N, C-alpha and C. Protein backbone atom coordinates (compact mmCIF):
# COMPACT_ATOMS: atom_id res chain seq x y z
N MET A 1 23.21 -22.71 13.99
CA MET A 1 22.00 -22.23 13.36
C MET A 1 22.32 -21.12 12.34
N GLY A 2 21.73 -21.22 11.19
CA GLY A 2 21.94 -20.20 10.17
C GLY A 2 20.98 -19.04 10.35
N VAL A 3 21.30 -17.96 9.70
CA VAL A 3 20.45 -16.78 9.72
C VAL A 3 19.44 -16.93 8.59
N SER A 4 18.16 -16.75 8.90
CA SER A 4 17.16 -16.88 7.85
C SER A 4 17.23 -15.67 6.92
N PRO A 5 17.03 -15.90 5.62
CA PRO A 5 17.13 -14.80 4.66
C PRO A 5 15.97 -13.82 4.86
N LEU A 6 16.23 -12.58 4.48
CA LEU A 6 15.18 -11.57 4.54
C LEU A 6 14.10 -11.90 3.52
N LYS A 7 12.89 -11.51 3.85
CA LYS A 7 11.74 -11.77 2.98
C LYS A 7 11.53 -10.59 2.03
N ARG A 8 10.75 -10.83 1.03
CA ARG A 8 10.35 -9.76 0.12
C ARG A 8 8.86 -9.51 0.32
N ALA A 9 8.46 -8.27 0.07
CA ALA A 9 7.07 -7.89 0.31
C ALA A 9 6.55 -6.99 -0.79
N ILE A 10 5.24 -7.06 -0.96
CA ILE A 10 4.52 -6.08 -1.75
C ILE A 10 3.76 -5.23 -0.75
N PHE A 11 4.06 -3.94 -0.73
CA PHE A 11 3.35 -3.00 0.13
C PHE A 11 2.25 -2.36 -0.71
N PHE A 12 1.03 -2.46 -0.24
CA PHE A 12 -0.11 -1.86 -0.94
C PHE A 12 -0.63 -0.68 -0.14
N ASP A 13 -0.92 0.43 -0.82
CA ASP A 13 -1.77 1.44 -0.22
C ASP A 13 -3.16 0.80 -0.11
N ARG A 14 -4.01 1.33 0.75
CA ARG A 14 -5.32 0.71 0.95
C ARG A 14 -6.37 1.31 0.02
N ASP A 15 -6.79 2.53 0.29
CA ASP A 15 -7.93 3.14 -0.41
C ASP A 15 -7.56 3.51 -1.84
N GLY A 16 -8.29 2.96 -2.79
CA GLY A 16 -8.03 3.21 -4.20
C GLY A 16 -7.15 2.16 -4.84
N VAL A 17 -6.53 1.31 -4.01
CA VAL A 17 -5.69 0.24 -4.53
C VAL A 17 -6.35 -1.11 -4.28
N LEU A 18 -6.57 -1.45 -3.01
CA LEU A 18 -7.22 -2.73 -2.68
C LEU A 18 -8.72 -2.59 -2.49
N ASN A 19 -9.15 -1.43 -2.05
CA ASN A 19 -10.60 -1.16 -1.95
C ASN A 19 -10.90 0.12 -2.72
N GLU A 20 -12.13 0.22 -3.15
CA GLU A 20 -12.56 1.39 -3.90
C GLU A 20 -12.48 2.62 -3.01
N ALA A 21 -11.89 3.69 -3.54
CA ALA A 21 -11.89 4.97 -2.85
C ALA A 21 -13.22 5.66 -3.13
N VAL A 22 -13.63 6.51 -2.23
CA VAL A 22 -14.80 7.35 -2.44
C VAL A 22 -14.25 8.66 -3.01
N VAL A 23 -14.50 8.91 -4.29
CA VAL A 23 -13.91 10.07 -4.97
C VAL A 23 -14.91 11.22 -4.96
N ARG A 24 -14.46 12.35 -4.38
CA ARG A 24 -15.26 13.58 -4.36
C ARG A 24 -14.41 14.69 -4.94
N ASP A 25 -14.95 15.38 -5.96
CA ASP A 25 -14.23 16.47 -6.62
C ASP A 25 -12.85 16.03 -7.11
N GLY A 26 -12.75 14.79 -7.58
CA GLY A 26 -11.51 14.26 -8.13
C GLY A 26 -10.49 13.84 -7.09
N VAL A 27 -10.86 13.86 -5.81
CA VAL A 27 -9.94 13.52 -4.72
C VAL A 27 -10.44 12.26 -4.02
N PRO A 28 -9.57 11.27 -3.83
CA PRO A 28 -9.99 10.02 -3.18
C PRO A 28 -10.09 10.16 -1.67
N HIS A 29 -11.08 9.47 -1.10
CA HIS A 29 -11.31 9.43 0.34
C HIS A 29 -11.56 7.98 0.75
N PRO A 30 -11.33 7.67 2.03
CA PRO A 30 -11.56 6.30 2.49
C PRO A 30 -13.06 6.02 2.66
N PRO A 31 -13.42 4.74 2.71
CA PRO A 31 -14.81 4.42 3.04
C PRO A 31 -15.09 4.86 4.47
N ALA A 32 -16.33 5.24 4.75
CA ALA A 32 -16.70 5.72 6.09
C ALA A 32 -16.95 4.59 7.07
N SER A 33 -17.27 3.41 6.53
CA SER A 33 -17.60 2.28 7.41
C SER A 33 -17.35 0.97 6.68
N VAL A 34 -17.46 -0.14 7.39
CA VAL A 34 -17.31 -1.46 6.78
C VAL A 34 -18.36 -1.65 5.69
N GLU A 35 -19.55 -1.11 5.90
CA GLU A 35 -20.62 -1.24 4.89
C GLU A 35 -20.25 -0.55 3.58
N ASP A 36 -19.39 0.46 3.67
CA ASP A 36 -18.95 1.19 2.47
C ASP A 36 -17.68 0.61 1.85
N LEU A 37 -17.15 -0.46 2.44
CA LEU A 37 -15.92 -1.08 1.95
C LEU A 37 -16.24 -1.98 0.75
N HIS A 38 -15.70 -1.61 -0.39
CA HIS A 38 -15.89 -2.39 -1.61
C HIS A 38 -14.52 -2.77 -2.15
N ILE A 39 -14.26 -4.07 -2.19
CA ILE A 39 -12.97 -4.58 -2.64
C ILE A 39 -12.82 -4.36 -4.14
N VAL A 40 -11.65 -3.94 -4.57
CA VAL A 40 -11.36 -3.72 -5.99
C VAL A 40 -11.37 -5.06 -6.72
N ARG A 41 -11.90 -5.03 -7.92
CA ARG A 41 -11.92 -6.23 -8.77
C ARG A 41 -10.50 -6.78 -8.91
N HIS A 42 -10.35 -8.05 -8.80
CA HIS A 42 -9.09 -8.79 -8.93
C HIS A 42 -8.20 -8.74 -7.69
N ALA A 43 -8.59 -8.00 -6.64
CA ALA A 43 -7.72 -7.87 -5.47
C ALA A 43 -7.45 -9.21 -4.80
N ARG A 44 -8.49 -10.01 -4.60
CA ARG A 44 -8.30 -11.32 -3.96
C ARG A 44 -7.34 -12.20 -4.76
N GLU A 45 -7.54 -12.21 -6.05
CA GLU A 45 -6.71 -13.03 -6.94
C GLU A 45 -5.26 -12.55 -6.93
N VAL A 46 -5.04 -11.24 -6.97
CA VAL A 46 -3.68 -10.69 -6.96
C VAL A 46 -2.97 -11.07 -5.66
N VAL A 47 -3.64 -10.89 -4.52
CA VAL A 47 -3.03 -11.23 -3.23
C VAL A 47 -2.72 -12.73 -3.18
N ARG A 48 -3.62 -13.55 -3.63
CA ARG A 48 -3.41 -15.01 -3.63
C ARG A 48 -2.21 -15.39 -4.51
N GLN A 49 -2.12 -14.79 -5.70
CA GLN A 49 -0.99 -15.08 -6.59
C GLN A 49 0.33 -14.65 -5.98
N LEU A 50 0.34 -13.49 -5.33
CA LEU A 50 1.57 -13.01 -4.71
C LEU A 50 2.00 -13.91 -3.57
N HIS A 51 1.05 -14.35 -2.75
CA HIS A 51 1.39 -15.30 -1.69
C HIS A 51 1.96 -16.58 -2.28
N GLY A 52 1.36 -17.06 -3.35
CA GLY A 52 1.83 -18.28 -4.00
C GLY A 52 3.24 -18.15 -4.56
N ALA A 53 3.63 -16.91 -4.89
CA ALA A 53 4.98 -16.66 -5.42
C ALA A 53 5.97 -16.31 -4.30
N GLY A 54 5.51 -16.39 -3.05
CA GLY A 54 6.41 -16.18 -1.92
C GLY A 54 6.52 -14.76 -1.40
N TRP A 55 5.64 -13.87 -1.81
CA TRP A 55 5.66 -12.49 -1.35
C TRP A 55 4.81 -12.33 -0.09
N LEU A 56 5.25 -11.50 0.85
CA LEU A 56 4.37 -11.02 1.91
C LEU A 56 3.53 -9.91 1.31
N THR A 57 2.30 -9.75 1.76
CA THR A 57 1.46 -8.66 1.30
C THR A 57 1.10 -7.81 2.52
N ILE A 58 1.51 -6.55 2.46
CA ILE A 58 1.36 -5.66 3.61
C ILE A 58 0.71 -4.36 3.15
N VAL A 59 -0.30 -3.93 3.88
CA VAL A 59 -0.98 -2.67 3.59
C VAL A 59 -0.35 -1.57 4.43
N VAL A 60 -0.06 -0.44 3.80
CA VAL A 60 0.44 0.75 4.49
C VAL A 60 -0.47 1.91 4.10
N THR A 61 -1.17 2.49 5.09
CA THR A 61 -2.21 3.46 4.77
C THR A 61 -2.20 4.67 5.68
N ASN A 62 -2.30 5.85 5.06
CA ASN A 62 -2.53 7.09 5.82
C ASN A 62 -4.02 7.19 6.09
N GLN A 63 -4.38 7.47 7.33
CA GLN A 63 -5.78 7.70 7.69
C GLN A 63 -5.88 8.97 8.53
N PRO A 64 -5.64 10.14 7.89
CA PRO A 64 -5.62 11.41 8.62
C PRO A 64 -6.96 11.84 9.19
N ASP A 65 -8.05 11.22 8.73
CA ASP A 65 -9.36 11.58 9.26
C ASP A 65 -9.47 11.28 10.75
N VAL A 66 -8.62 10.37 11.26
CA VAL A 66 -8.58 10.11 12.70
C VAL A 66 -8.11 11.37 13.42
N ALA A 67 -6.99 11.93 12.98
CA ALA A 67 -6.45 13.15 13.59
C ALA A 67 -7.39 14.34 13.39
N ARG A 68 -8.10 14.34 12.28
CA ARG A 68 -9.01 15.45 11.97
C ARG A 68 -10.33 15.34 12.72
N GLY A 69 -10.56 14.20 13.36
CA GLY A 69 -11.77 14.02 14.14
C GLY A 69 -13.01 13.66 13.34
N THR A 70 -12.84 13.29 12.06
CA THR A 70 -14.01 12.94 11.24
C THR A 70 -14.26 11.44 11.20
N THR A 71 -13.36 10.66 11.81
CA THR A 71 -13.57 9.23 12.01
C THR A 71 -12.81 8.83 13.27
N THR A 72 -13.02 7.60 13.70
CA THR A 72 -12.33 7.11 14.89
C THR A 72 -11.34 6.02 14.51
N MET A 73 -10.39 5.77 15.38
CA MET A 73 -9.44 4.68 15.14
C MET A 73 -10.18 3.35 15.15
N GLU A 74 -11.22 3.25 15.95
CA GLU A 74 -12.02 2.02 16.00
C GLU A 74 -12.67 1.74 14.65
N SER A 75 -13.17 2.77 13.98
CA SER A 75 -13.78 2.60 12.67
C SER A 75 -12.72 2.16 11.64
N VAL A 76 -11.54 2.78 11.70
CA VAL A 76 -10.45 2.40 10.80
C VAL A 76 -10.06 0.95 11.06
N ASP A 77 -9.96 0.57 12.33
CA ASP A 77 -9.60 -0.82 12.68
C ASP A 77 -10.64 -1.81 12.16
N GLU A 78 -11.93 -1.45 12.23
CA GLU A 78 -12.99 -2.33 11.73
C GLU A 78 -12.86 -2.52 10.22
N ILE A 79 -12.61 -1.44 9.51
CA ILE A 79 -12.45 -1.52 8.06
C ILE A 79 -11.22 -2.37 7.73
N ASP A 80 -10.12 -2.14 8.45
CA ASP A 80 -8.90 -2.91 8.21
C ASP A 80 -9.11 -4.39 8.50
N ALA A 81 -9.82 -4.71 9.58
CA ALA A 81 -10.09 -6.12 9.91
C ALA A 81 -10.92 -6.78 8.82
N ALA A 82 -11.90 -6.06 8.29
CA ALA A 82 -12.73 -6.61 7.21
C ALA A 82 -11.90 -6.80 5.94
N LEU A 83 -11.05 -5.83 5.63
CA LEU A 83 -10.18 -5.95 4.45
C LEU A 83 -9.24 -7.14 4.60
N GLN A 84 -8.65 -7.29 5.78
CA GLN A 84 -7.73 -8.40 6.01
C GLN A 84 -8.45 -9.74 5.91
N ALA A 85 -9.65 -9.81 6.46
CA ALA A 85 -10.42 -11.05 6.40
C ALA A 85 -10.80 -11.41 4.95
N ARG A 86 -11.16 -10.42 4.16
CA ARG A 86 -11.59 -10.67 2.79
C ARG A 86 -10.44 -10.98 1.84
N LEU A 87 -9.27 -10.39 2.10
CA LEU A 87 -8.16 -10.54 1.16
C LEU A 87 -7.04 -11.43 1.66
N GLY A 88 -6.91 -11.58 2.96
CA GLY A 88 -5.83 -12.40 3.50
C GLY A 88 -4.47 -11.76 3.45
N VAL A 89 -4.42 -10.41 3.46
CA VAL A 89 -3.12 -9.74 3.51
C VAL A 89 -2.44 -10.09 4.84
N ASP A 90 -1.11 -10.05 4.85
CA ASP A 90 -0.35 -10.47 6.02
C ASP A 90 -0.38 -9.48 7.16
N ALA A 91 -0.44 -8.19 6.87
CA ALA A 91 -0.44 -7.18 7.93
C ALA A 91 -0.94 -5.86 7.37
N ILE A 92 -1.41 -5.01 8.29
CA ILE A 92 -1.85 -3.66 7.92
C ILE A 92 -1.22 -2.69 8.90
N TYR A 93 -0.58 -1.65 8.35
CA TYR A 93 0.03 -0.58 9.15
C TYR A 93 -0.68 0.73 8.83
N VAL A 94 -1.05 1.46 9.88
CA VAL A 94 -1.85 2.67 9.74
C VAL A 94 -1.14 3.87 10.35
N CYS A 95 -1.13 4.98 9.64
CA CYS A 95 -0.73 6.26 10.20
C CYS A 95 -2.01 7.06 10.43
N PRO A 96 -2.37 7.34 11.70
CA PRO A 96 -3.59 8.09 11.98
C PRO A 96 -3.36 9.60 12.08
N HIS A 97 -2.19 10.07 11.67
CA HIS A 97 -1.81 11.47 11.85
C HIS A 97 -2.14 12.33 10.63
N ASP A 98 -2.11 13.65 10.85
CA ASP A 98 -2.26 14.61 9.76
C ASP A 98 -0.90 15.24 9.49
N ASP A 99 -0.78 15.98 8.40
CA ASP A 99 0.51 16.59 8.05
C ASP A 99 1.10 17.42 9.19
N ALA A 100 0.27 18.17 9.89
CA ALA A 100 0.74 19.05 10.97
C ALA A 100 1.38 18.29 12.12
N ASP A 101 1.09 16.99 12.24
CA ASP A 101 1.66 16.19 13.33
C ASP A 101 3.14 15.91 13.14
N ALA A 102 3.63 16.05 11.92
CA ALA A 102 5.05 15.85 11.59
C ALA A 102 5.59 14.52 12.11
N CYS A 103 4.81 13.46 11.98
CA CYS A 103 5.24 12.12 12.40
C CYS A 103 6.16 11.51 11.35
N ASP A 104 6.78 10.40 11.68
CA ASP A 104 7.64 9.73 10.69
C ASP A 104 6.91 8.62 9.94
N CYS A 105 5.62 8.40 10.29
CA CYS A 105 4.90 7.31 9.65
C CYS A 105 3.96 7.76 8.53
N ARG A 106 3.71 9.06 8.41
CA ARG A 106 2.78 9.53 7.38
C ARG A 106 3.49 9.61 6.04
N LYS A 107 2.96 8.85 5.08
CA LYS A 107 3.51 8.91 3.74
C LYS A 107 3.39 10.37 3.25
N PRO A 108 4.41 10.93 2.69
CA PRO A 108 5.48 10.30 1.92
C PRO A 108 6.70 9.84 2.73
N LYS A 109 6.70 10.02 4.02
CA LYS A 109 7.82 9.49 4.80
C LYS A 109 7.73 7.97 4.83
N PRO A 110 8.84 7.28 4.99
CA PRO A 110 8.86 5.82 4.88
C PRO A 110 8.63 5.06 6.19
N GLY A 111 8.20 5.73 7.25
CA GLY A 111 8.11 5.09 8.56
C GLY A 111 7.30 3.81 8.62
N LEU A 112 6.15 3.76 7.95
CA LEU A 112 5.33 2.54 7.99
C LEU A 112 6.07 1.37 7.34
N LEU A 113 6.74 1.62 6.24
CA LEU A 113 7.48 0.57 5.54
C LEU A 113 8.68 0.11 6.37
N LEU A 114 9.38 1.05 6.99
CA LEU A 114 10.53 0.70 7.81
C LEU A 114 10.11 -0.13 9.01
N ARG A 115 8.99 0.25 9.63
CA ARG A 115 8.48 -0.53 10.77
C ARG A 115 8.11 -1.94 10.35
N ALA A 116 7.40 -2.06 9.24
CA ALA A 116 7.01 -3.38 8.74
C ALA A 116 8.24 -4.22 8.41
N ALA A 117 9.23 -3.60 7.78
CA ALA A 117 10.46 -4.32 7.42
C ALA A 117 11.15 -4.85 8.66
N ASN A 118 11.21 -4.04 9.69
CA ASN A 118 11.84 -4.45 10.94
C ASN A 118 11.07 -5.59 11.61
N GLU A 119 9.76 -5.48 11.65
CA GLU A 119 8.93 -6.47 12.34
C GLU A 119 8.79 -7.78 11.59
N HIS A 120 8.92 -7.75 10.26
CA HIS A 120 8.71 -8.96 9.45
C HIS A 120 9.97 -9.47 8.77
N GLY A 121 11.11 -8.84 9.00
CA GLY A 121 12.36 -9.28 8.36
C GLY A 121 12.33 -9.12 6.85
N ILE A 122 11.97 -7.92 6.39
CA ILE A 122 11.79 -7.67 4.96
C ILE A 122 13.01 -6.95 4.37
N ASP A 123 13.42 -7.41 3.21
CA ASP A 123 14.47 -6.77 2.44
C ASP A 123 13.79 -5.72 1.55
N LEU A 124 13.93 -4.46 1.90
CA LEU A 124 13.24 -3.40 1.17
C LEU A 124 13.76 -3.26 -0.26
N ALA A 125 15.01 -3.57 -0.51
CA ALA A 125 15.56 -3.48 -1.87
C ALA A 125 14.97 -4.53 -2.80
N ARG A 126 14.37 -5.56 -2.24
CA ARG A 126 13.72 -6.61 -3.03
C ARG A 126 12.21 -6.56 -2.88
N SER A 127 11.68 -5.42 -2.49
CA SER A 127 10.26 -5.25 -2.26
C SER A 127 9.69 -4.17 -3.17
N VAL A 128 8.36 -4.12 -3.24
CA VAL A 128 7.67 -3.21 -4.15
C VAL A 128 6.53 -2.53 -3.41
N LEU A 129 6.36 -1.24 -3.65
CA LEU A 129 5.19 -0.52 -3.14
C LEU A 129 4.25 -0.23 -4.30
N VAL A 130 2.95 -0.49 -4.09
CA VAL A 130 1.92 -0.20 -5.08
C VAL A 130 1.01 0.88 -4.49
N GLY A 131 0.92 2.02 -5.16
CA GLY A 131 0.09 3.11 -4.65
C GLY A 131 -0.58 3.88 -5.76
N ASP A 132 -1.62 4.63 -5.37
CA ASP A 132 -2.39 5.38 -6.33
C ASP A 132 -2.21 6.90 -6.21
N ARG A 133 -1.26 7.31 -5.37
CA ARG A 133 -1.01 8.75 -5.19
C ARG A 133 0.50 8.98 -5.11
N GLY A 134 0.90 10.18 -5.41
CA GLY A 134 2.31 10.54 -5.40
C GLY A 134 2.97 10.29 -4.05
N LYS A 135 2.24 10.54 -2.95
CA LYS A 135 2.80 10.31 -1.61
C LYS A 135 3.19 8.84 -1.41
N ASP A 136 2.41 7.94 -1.97
CA ASP A 136 2.73 6.52 -1.86
C ASP A 136 4.06 6.22 -2.55
N ILE A 137 4.19 6.72 -3.76
CA ILE A 137 5.38 6.46 -4.55
C ILE A 137 6.61 7.05 -3.87
N GLU A 138 6.49 8.27 -3.36
CA GLU A 138 7.60 8.91 -2.65
C GLU A 138 8.01 8.08 -1.43
N SER A 139 7.05 7.54 -0.71
CA SER A 139 7.33 6.73 0.46
C SER A 139 8.09 5.47 0.09
N GLY A 140 7.64 4.79 -0.95
CA GLY A 140 8.32 3.59 -1.40
C GLY A 140 9.74 3.87 -1.83
N ARG A 141 9.92 4.95 -2.57
CA ARG A 141 11.27 5.30 -3.02
C ARG A 141 12.17 5.63 -1.83
N ALA A 142 11.63 6.37 -0.85
CA ALA A 142 12.41 6.75 0.33
C ALA A 142 12.83 5.53 1.14
N ALA A 143 12.02 4.47 1.09
CA ALA A 143 12.34 3.24 1.82
C ALA A 143 13.28 2.34 1.02
N GLY A 144 13.50 2.65 -0.25
CA GLY A 144 14.39 1.84 -1.07
C GLY A 144 13.68 0.75 -1.85
N CYS A 145 12.37 0.84 -1.96
CA CYS A 145 11.57 -0.15 -2.71
C CYS A 145 11.42 0.26 -4.16
N ALA A 146 11.13 -0.71 -5.00
CA ALA A 146 10.66 -0.42 -6.35
C ALA A 146 9.21 0.07 -6.19
N THR A 147 8.71 0.80 -7.17
CA THR A 147 7.36 1.38 -7.03
C THR A 147 6.52 1.16 -8.28
N ILE A 148 5.23 0.96 -8.03
CA ILE A 148 4.25 0.84 -9.10
C ILE A 148 3.13 1.84 -8.82
N PHE A 149 2.89 2.72 -9.77
CA PHE A 149 1.82 3.71 -9.65
C PHE A 149 0.57 3.16 -10.31
N LEU A 150 -0.50 3.03 -9.55
CA LEU A 150 -1.80 2.61 -10.07
C LEU A 150 -2.57 3.89 -10.39
N ASN A 151 -2.55 4.28 -11.64
CA ASN A 151 -3.12 5.56 -12.07
C ASN A 151 -4.64 5.46 -12.13
N ARG A 152 -5.29 6.10 -11.18
CA ARG A 152 -6.75 6.13 -11.11
C ARG A 152 -7.32 7.41 -11.71
N GLY A 153 -6.46 8.30 -12.19
CA GLY A 153 -6.93 9.52 -12.85
C GLY A 153 -7.49 10.56 -11.91
N TYR A 154 -7.03 10.58 -10.66
CA TYR A 154 -7.50 11.59 -9.72
C TYR A 154 -7.08 12.97 -10.20
N ALA A 155 -7.89 13.97 -9.88
CA ALA A 155 -7.61 15.34 -10.28
C ALA A 155 -6.33 15.87 -9.63
N GLU A 156 -6.01 15.41 -8.45
CA GLU A 156 -4.85 15.92 -7.71
C GLU A 156 -3.53 15.27 -8.10
N THR A 157 -3.54 14.18 -8.81
CA THR A 157 -2.35 13.39 -9.05
C THR A 157 -1.64 13.81 -10.32
N ARG A 158 -0.31 13.96 -10.21
CA ARG A 158 0.47 14.18 -11.43
C ARG A 158 0.33 12.95 -12.31
N VAL A 159 0.45 13.15 -13.60
CA VAL A 159 0.33 12.03 -14.52
C VAL A 159 1.45 11.03 -14.28
N ASP A 160 2.67 11.50 -14.01
CA ASP A 160 3.80 10.61 -13.77
C ASP A 160 4.48 10.99 -12.46
N PRO A 161 4.19 10.29 -11.37
CA PRO A 161 4.81 10.64 -10.09
C PRO A 161 6.22 10.08 -9.92
N GLY A 162 6.81 9.57 -11.00
CA GLY A 162 8.18 9.06 -10.92
C GLY A 162 8.29 7.62 -10.47
N ALA A 163 7.24 6.85 -10.66
CA ALA A 163 7.26 5.43 -10.28
C ALA A 163 8.09 4.62 -11.28
N ASP A 164 8.51 3.44 -10.84
CA ASP A 164 9.25 2.55 -11.74
C ASP A 164 8.35 1.99 -12.84
N ARG A 165 7.10 1.78 -12.51
CA ARG A 165 6.11 1.30 -13.49
C ARG A 165 4.78 1.99 -13.20
N THR A 166 3.96 2.13 -14.24
CA THR A 166 2.61 2.66 -14.09
C THR A 166 1.64 1.66 -14.69
N VAL A 167 0.55 1.40 -13.97
CA VAL A 167 -0.52 0.53 -14.47
C VAL A 167 -1.84 1.27 -14.28
N HIS A 168 -2.89 0.78 -14.92
CA HIS A 168 -4.19 1.45 -14.85
C HIS A 168 -5.26 0.59 -14.19
N SER A 169 -4.88 -0.61 -13.76
CA SER A 169 -5.81 -1.46 -13.02
C SER A 169 -4.99 -2.41 -12.15
N LEU A 170 -5.61 -2.92 -11.11
CA LEU A 170 -4.89 -3.79 -10.19
C LEU A 170 -4.42 -5.07 -10.88
N ASP A 171 -5.17 -5.56 -11.87
CA ASP A 171 -4.73 -6.79 -12.52
C ASP A 171 -3.46 -6.60 -13.34
N GLY A 172 -3.04 -5.36 -13.60
CA GLY A 172 -1.77 -5.10 -14.28
C GLY A 172 -0.57 -5.13 -13.34
N VAL A 173 -0.82 -5.18 -12.04
CA VAL A 173 0.27 -5.14 -11.06
C VAL A 173 1.16 -6.38 -11.15
N ALA A 174 0.59 -7.55 -11.32
CA ALA A 174 1.38 -8.79 -11.34
C ALA A 174 2.43 -8.76 -12.46
N ALA A 175 2.04 -8.32 -13.65
CA ALA A 175 3.00 -8.24 -14.76
C ALA A 175 4.08 -7.21 -14.46
N ALA A 176 3.71 -6.09 -13.87
CA ALA A 176 4.69 -5.06 -13.52
C ALA A 176 5.67 -5.57 -12.47
N ILE A 177 5.18 -6.35 -11.52
CA ILE A 177 6.06 -6.93 -10.49
C ILE A 177 7.06 -7.89 -11.14
N ARG A 178 6.59 -8.70 -12.07
CA ARG A 178 7.51 -9.63 -12.75
C ARG A 178 8.61 -8.87 -13.49
N GLU A 179 8.26 -7.76 -14.12
CA GLU A 179 9.26 -6.94 -14.81
C GLU A 179 10.27 -6.38 -13.80
N LEU A 180 9.78 -5.89 -12.67
CA LEU A 180 10.65 -5.29 -11.66
C LEU A 180 11.56 -6.33 -11.00
N GLU A 181 11.05 -7.54 -10.86
CA GLU A 181 11.86 -8.62 -10.24
C GLU A 181 13.18 -8.83 -10.97
N ARG A 182 13.15 -8.68 -12.27
CA ARG A 182 14.38 -8.89 -13.06
C ARG A 182 15.47 -7.87 -12.72
N CYS A 183 15.08 -6.72 -12.16
CA CYS A 183 16.04 -5.66 -11.83
C CYS A 183 16.47 -5.69 -10.37
N MET A 184 15.88 -6.57 -9.58
CA MET A 184 16.16 -6.59 -8.14
C MET A 184 17.42 -7.37 -7.82
N PRO A 185 18.04 -7.03 -6.68
CA PRO A 185 19.22 -7.80 -6.27
C PRO A 185 18.83 -9.27 -6.03
N PRO A 186 19.75 -10.20 -6.28
CA PRO A 186 19.43 -11.62 -6.04
C PRO A 186 19.27 -11.91 -4.55
N ILE A 187 18.63 -13.05 -4.29
CA ILE A 187 18.39 -13.48 -2.91
C ILE A 187 19.71 -13.80 -2.24
């Protein structure tokens, strides 16, 4: 029996990338409930195209409001289940901790990506992280992924967080991924 090759994945941040963030004072926040979950334009099409091209699609999301007591893990799970049902992403990984918890899964640390890579047989050097905040980009880089910054113009975000590519809408991600593929190690 041969060893199956490692897979490649697109890791998406959740809020502000696949679903609309609730922006207050220039800072993005997650939806409070499933009723507040609004899928970003083109998200279904992008996920479908990526699946058709052989990519796994995995969501990696910080949800510190669980640790802060302003939401419950059950509410986060309901939102994630609705997002997965609407978009057909392959998996969702959640960090429910706050910075003070010093966990290894809270972005900018790469723990969520490393866990997903281990569980799904993913080659991180042939994978891409798409995020809308500097912490996302740092996490992808720390895991060894290529990175795409989806610039939403948040007040807190540096203009250039050091991503491999920057786009201004989700529909620009597919072209950026094709560009990055040319620089990736062969299968």
